[in-house]
Amino acid sequence: MTARTERTAPTARTVRRLLAASLLTTVLAGCGIRPTEVPTDFGAAPSRVPCSLAAPDVTTQSAHGVPVQVFLLCGSSLVAVDRTVRVPEGTPDARRRVIVAQGLLAQLAASPSASEKAAGYTTYVPGGLGVAGPSHKDPEDTLRLSATPARLTSYALAQIVCTLSDSAAAEGDGSVILGGPAPAPLRRYECTDTVRNRPGSTDPPSSEVTAA
């Protein structure tokens, strides 16, 4: 005996669903869109554009110190962010340069704020890094770090060079004279576009500085 297979006629609702699916497939194909059989969930939209921060309140910052900028790493390049450094009024220029440099190093070593972290900012400058002014026979704009610059990571050195060379701690020509504790040799480092764009693979250009 042969078993009979019972088939039921499709309901009106089923027919409508089939027609709707067929029509949707035709429309998508005409638009060059490949249809999919399952829903696609791309997740929530990002809350912040990488390396994008809200504009700071300069007036409020000025009330807490001298407005400055430091270079943090974001993505694969260095990006300037606003900070403040406290400098006592009436400080002589030579001493002022060192105070600004020390404040900048402290800001570089500090952990980025929550909003900066969310935007992808980070820093490689170690904490506890000190700075002093020129020793005997050094050029007057020399800054001597408590660690030899050559021992810093390429990211940290790039951050420090670009930050200091663009500040009141240097002469404002895009370079800065750095060295380790005296009598370590001195070198003049430059912050170039290549260094800002590729800090991990390009060391700041430098040249030897001869003491007077």
Protein backbone atom coordinates (compact mmCIF):
# COMPACT_ATOMS: atom_id res chain seq x y z
CA MET A 1 0.00 0.00 0.00
CA THR A 2 1.32 3.39 -0.97
CA ALA A 3 1.20 6.05 1.68
CA ARG A 4 -0.68 9.17 0.71
CA THR A 5 0.88 12.55 1.34
CA GLU A 6 -1.69 15.13 2.31
CA ARG A 7 -1.09 18.65 1.12
CA THR A 8 -3.01 21.65 2.27
CA ALA A 9 -3.64 24.64 0.12
CA PRO A 10 -1.67 27.76 1.13
CA THR A 11 -3.61 30.26 3.13
CA ALA A 12 -4.23 33.79 1.91
CA ARG A 13 -1.79 35.14 4.54
CA THR A 14 0.98 32.83 3.32
CA VAL A 15 0.42 33.90 -0.29
CA ARG A 16 0.67 37.57 0.68
CA ARG A 17 3.94 36.94 2.55
CA LEU A 18 5.45 35.14 -0.42
CA LEU A 19 4.44 37.91 -2.81
CA ALA A 20 5.84 40.59 -0.47
CA ALA A 21 9.16 38.74 -0.12
CA SER A 22 9.41 38.30 -3.90
CA LEU A 23 8.69 41.98 -4.49
CA LEU A 24 11.29 43.07 -1.90
CA THR A 25 13.94 40.85 -3.48
CA THR A 26 13.23 42.37 -6.90
CA VAL A 27 13.49 45.93 -5.57
CA LEU A 28 16.77 45.26 -3.75
CA ALA A 29 18.27 43.59 -6.78
CA GLY A 30 17.34 46.58 -8.92
CA CYS A 31 19.10 48.89 -6.46
CA GLY A 32 22.25 46.81 -6.48
CA ILE A 33 21.72 45.70 -2.87
CA ARG A 34 22.28 42.08 -2.02
CA PRO A 35 19.34 40.78 0.05
CA THR A 36 19.98 38.91 3.27
CA GLU A 37 17.93 36.25 4.96
CA VAL A 38 18.72 37.35 8.52
CA PRO A 39 18.57 40.74 10.23
CA THR A 40 21.91 42.59 10.39
CA ASP A 41 22.81 44.35 13.61
CA PHE A 42 25.75 46.74 13.32
CA GLY A 43 25.51 47.82 16.95
CA ALA A 44 25.04 51.25 18.38
CA ALA A 45 26.50 54.28 16.62
CA PRO A 46 29.77 55.55 18.13
CA SER A 47 29.20 58.26 20.72
CA ARG A 48 32.32 60.28 19.85
CA VAL A 49 34.46 60.76 16.76
CA PRO A 50 38.02 59.46 17.47
CA CYS A 51 40.48 62.24 18.38
CA SER A 52 37.63 64.78 18.57
CA LEU A 53 37.17 66.75 21.78
CA ALA A 54 34.81 69.50 22.78
CA ALA A 55 36.35 72.98 22.75
CA PRO A 56 37.72 73.88 26.22
CA ASP A 57 36.72 76.96 28.16
CA VAL A 58 39.84 79.12 27.72
CA THR A 59 38.61 81.70 30.21
CA THR A 60 38.28 79.09 32.96
CA GLN A 61 41.66 77.59 32.10
CA SER A 62 43.37 81.00 32.24
CA ALA A 63 42.01 81.52 35.75
CA HIS A 64 43.87 78.39 36.88
CA GLY A 65 47.20 79.09 35.16
CA VAL A 66 48.97 79.90 31.91
CA PRO A 67 47.29 78.25 28.87
CA VAL A 68 49.63 75.77 27.16
CA GLN A 69 49.37 72.82 24.81
CA VAL A 70 50.80 69.32 25.10
CA PHE A 71 51.00 66.63 22.45
CA LEU A 72 49.27 63.33 23.21
CA LEU A 73 49.14 60.25 21.03
CA CYS A 74 45.83 59.60 19.30
CA GLY A 75 45.56 56.98 16.60
CA SER A 76 48.95 56.95 14.92
CA SER A 77 49.82 60.63 15.30
CA LEU A 78 50.44 63.37 17.84
CA VAL A 79 47.57 65.74 18.59
CA ALA A 80 47.78 68.96 20.61
CA VAL A 81 45.43 69.33 23.58
CA ASP A 82 44.97 72.29 25.90
CA ARG A 83 46.36 72.40 29.43
CA THR A 84 47.42 75.01 31.99
CA VAL A 85 50.65 75.52 33.92
CA ARG A 86 51.00 77.62 37.06
CA VAL A 87 53.79 80.21 36.94
CA PRO A 88 54.24 82.69 39.83
CA GLU A 89 54.05 86.33 38.78
CA GLY A 90 57.36 88.14 38.51
CA THR A 91 59.35 84.94 37.84
CA PRO A 92 62.58 85.72 35.94
CA ASP A 93 62.64 84.46 32.35
CA ALA A 94 65.32 81.83 32.98
CA ARG A 95 63.42 80.36 35.89
CA ARG A 96 60.09 80.75 34.09
CA ARG A 97 61.36 78.54 31.24
CA VAL A 98 62.16 75.72 33.66
CA ILE A 99 58.84 76.04 35.52
CA VAL A 100 56.91 75.87 32.27
CA ALA A 101 58.96 72.87 31.09
CA GLN A 102 58.39 71.02 34.38
CA GLY A 103 54.67 71.75 34.23
CA LEU A 104 54.48 70.47 30.67
CA LEU A 105 56.27 67.25 31.58
CA ALA A 106 53.87 66.73 34.48
CA GLN A 107 50.89 67.26 32.17
CA LEU A 108 52.34 64.83 29.61
CA ALA A 109 52.86 62.16 32.25
CA ALA A 110 49.38 62.58 33.74
CA SER A 111 46.68 60.15 32.69
CA PRO A 112 44.36 61.65 30.02
CA SER A 113 40.92 62.71 31.21
CA ALA A 114 37.92 60.41 30.83
CA SER A 115 36.71 62.26 27.73
CA GLU A 116 40.20 62.13 26.20
CA LYS A 117 40.45 58.40 26.85
CA ALA A 118 37.04 57.90 25.26
CA ALA A 119 38.27 59.78 22.19
CA GLY A 120 41.36 57.58 21.96
CA TYR A 121 44.07 59.74 23.55
CA THR A 122 47.01 58.23 25.44
CA THR A 123 50.53 59.15 26.57
CA TYR A 124 53.87 57.36 26.79
CA VAL A 125 55.73 59.93 28.89
CA PRO A 126 56.79 58.35 32.21
CA GLY A 127 55.96 59.92 35.53
CA GLY A 128 58.58 61.49 37.77
CA LEU A 129 60.59 62.98 34.91
CA GLY A 130 62.35 66.13 36.10
CA VAL A 131 63.94 69.02 34.25
CA ALA A 132 66.58 71.61 35.08
CA GLY A 133 68.01 74.65 33.36
CA PRO A 134 71.43 74.95 31.73
CA SER A 135 74.55 73.94 33.59
CA HIS A 136 77.93 75.68 33.30
CA LYS A 137 78.76 76.53 29.64
CA ASP A 138 75.42 75.21 28.34
CA PRO A 139 73.44 77.44 25.94
CA GLU A 140 70.95 79.53 27.92
CA ASP A 141 67.91 77.78 26.43
CA THR A 142 69.13 74.30 27.41
CA LEU A 143 66.80 71.96 29.27
CA ARG A 144 68.41 69.01 31.06
CA LEU A 145 66.12 66.10 31.82
CA SER A 146 66.54 63.74 34.75
CA ALA A 147 66.74 60.89 32.21
CA THR A 148 68.84 60.77 29.06
CA PRO A 149 66.59 61.49 26.06
CA ALA A 150 68.03 58.52 24.14
CA ARG A 151 66.65 56.16 26.81
CA LEU A 152 63.07 57.33 26.32
CA THR A 153 60.75 55.47 23.97
CA SER A 154 60.34 57.00 20.52
CA TYR A 155 56.75 57.95 21.37
CA ALA A 156 57.73 59.64 24.64
CA LEU A 157 60.62 61.53 23.04
CA ALA A 158 58.39 62.74 20.21
CA GLN A 159 55.75 63.94 22.70
CA ILE A 160 58.34 65.79 24.78
CA VAL A 161 60.17 67.37 21.84
CA CYS A 162 57.00 68.56 20.11
CA THR A 163 55.50 69.86 23.36
CA LEU A 164 58.59 71.72 24.61
CA SER A 165 59.62 73.12 21.21
CA ASP A 166 56.17 74.69 20.82
CA SER A 167 56.16 76.34 24.24
CA ALA A 168 57.61 79.20 26.26
CA ALA A 169 60.24 76.74 27.49
CA ALA A 170 62.05 77.01 24.13
CA GLU A 171 62.99 79.77 21.72
CA GLY A 172 59.95 79.28 19.53
CA ASP A 173 61.81 78.13 16.41
CA GLY A 174 60.37 74.60 16.40
CA SER A 175 63.34 73.08 18.20
CA VAL A 176 64.56 72.50 21.74
CA ILE A 177 67.97 71.72 23.25
CA LEU A 178 67.79 68.66 25.50
CA GLY A 179 70.25 66.54 27.40
CA GLY A 180 70.46 64.27 30.37
CA PRO A 181 72.01 65.25 33.72
CA ALA A 182 75.29 67.19 33.31
CA PRO A 183 77.80 66.53 31.87
CA ALA A 184 75.79 64.45 29.37
CA PRO A 185 76.06 65.75 25.79
CA LEU A 186 73.39 68.03 24.39
CA ARG A 187 71.39 67.76 21.18
CA ARG A 188 68.99 70.12 19.45
CA TYR A 189 65.79 68.27 18.59
CA GLU A 190 63.19 69.36 16.03
CA CYS A 191 59.48 68.65 15.83
CA THR A 192 58.61 68.10 12.18
CA ASP A 193 55.39 67.17 10.40
CA THR A 194 56.79 63.68 9.89
CA VAL A 195 57.40 63.28 13.63
CA ARG A 196 53.88 64.46 14.47
CA ASN A 197 52.34 62.12 11.90
CA ARG A 198 54.54 59.06 12.58
CA PRO A 199 55.93 59.37 16.13
CA GLY A 200 56.46 55.67 16.63
CA SER A 201 58.54 55.09 13.53
CA THR A 202 60.32 58.43 13.11
CA ASP A 203 62.63 59.87 15.77
CA PRO A 204 62.83 63.67 16.06
CA PRO A 205 65.73 64.96 13.92
CA SER A 206 68.58 66.15 16.10
CA SER A 207 72.03 67.68 15.85
CA GLU A 208 74.89 67.89 18.31
CA VAL A 209 75.20 71.06 20.39
CA THR A 210 78.67 72.18 21.36
CA ALA A 211 79.04 73.77 24.78
CA ALA A 212 80.55 77.27 24.92
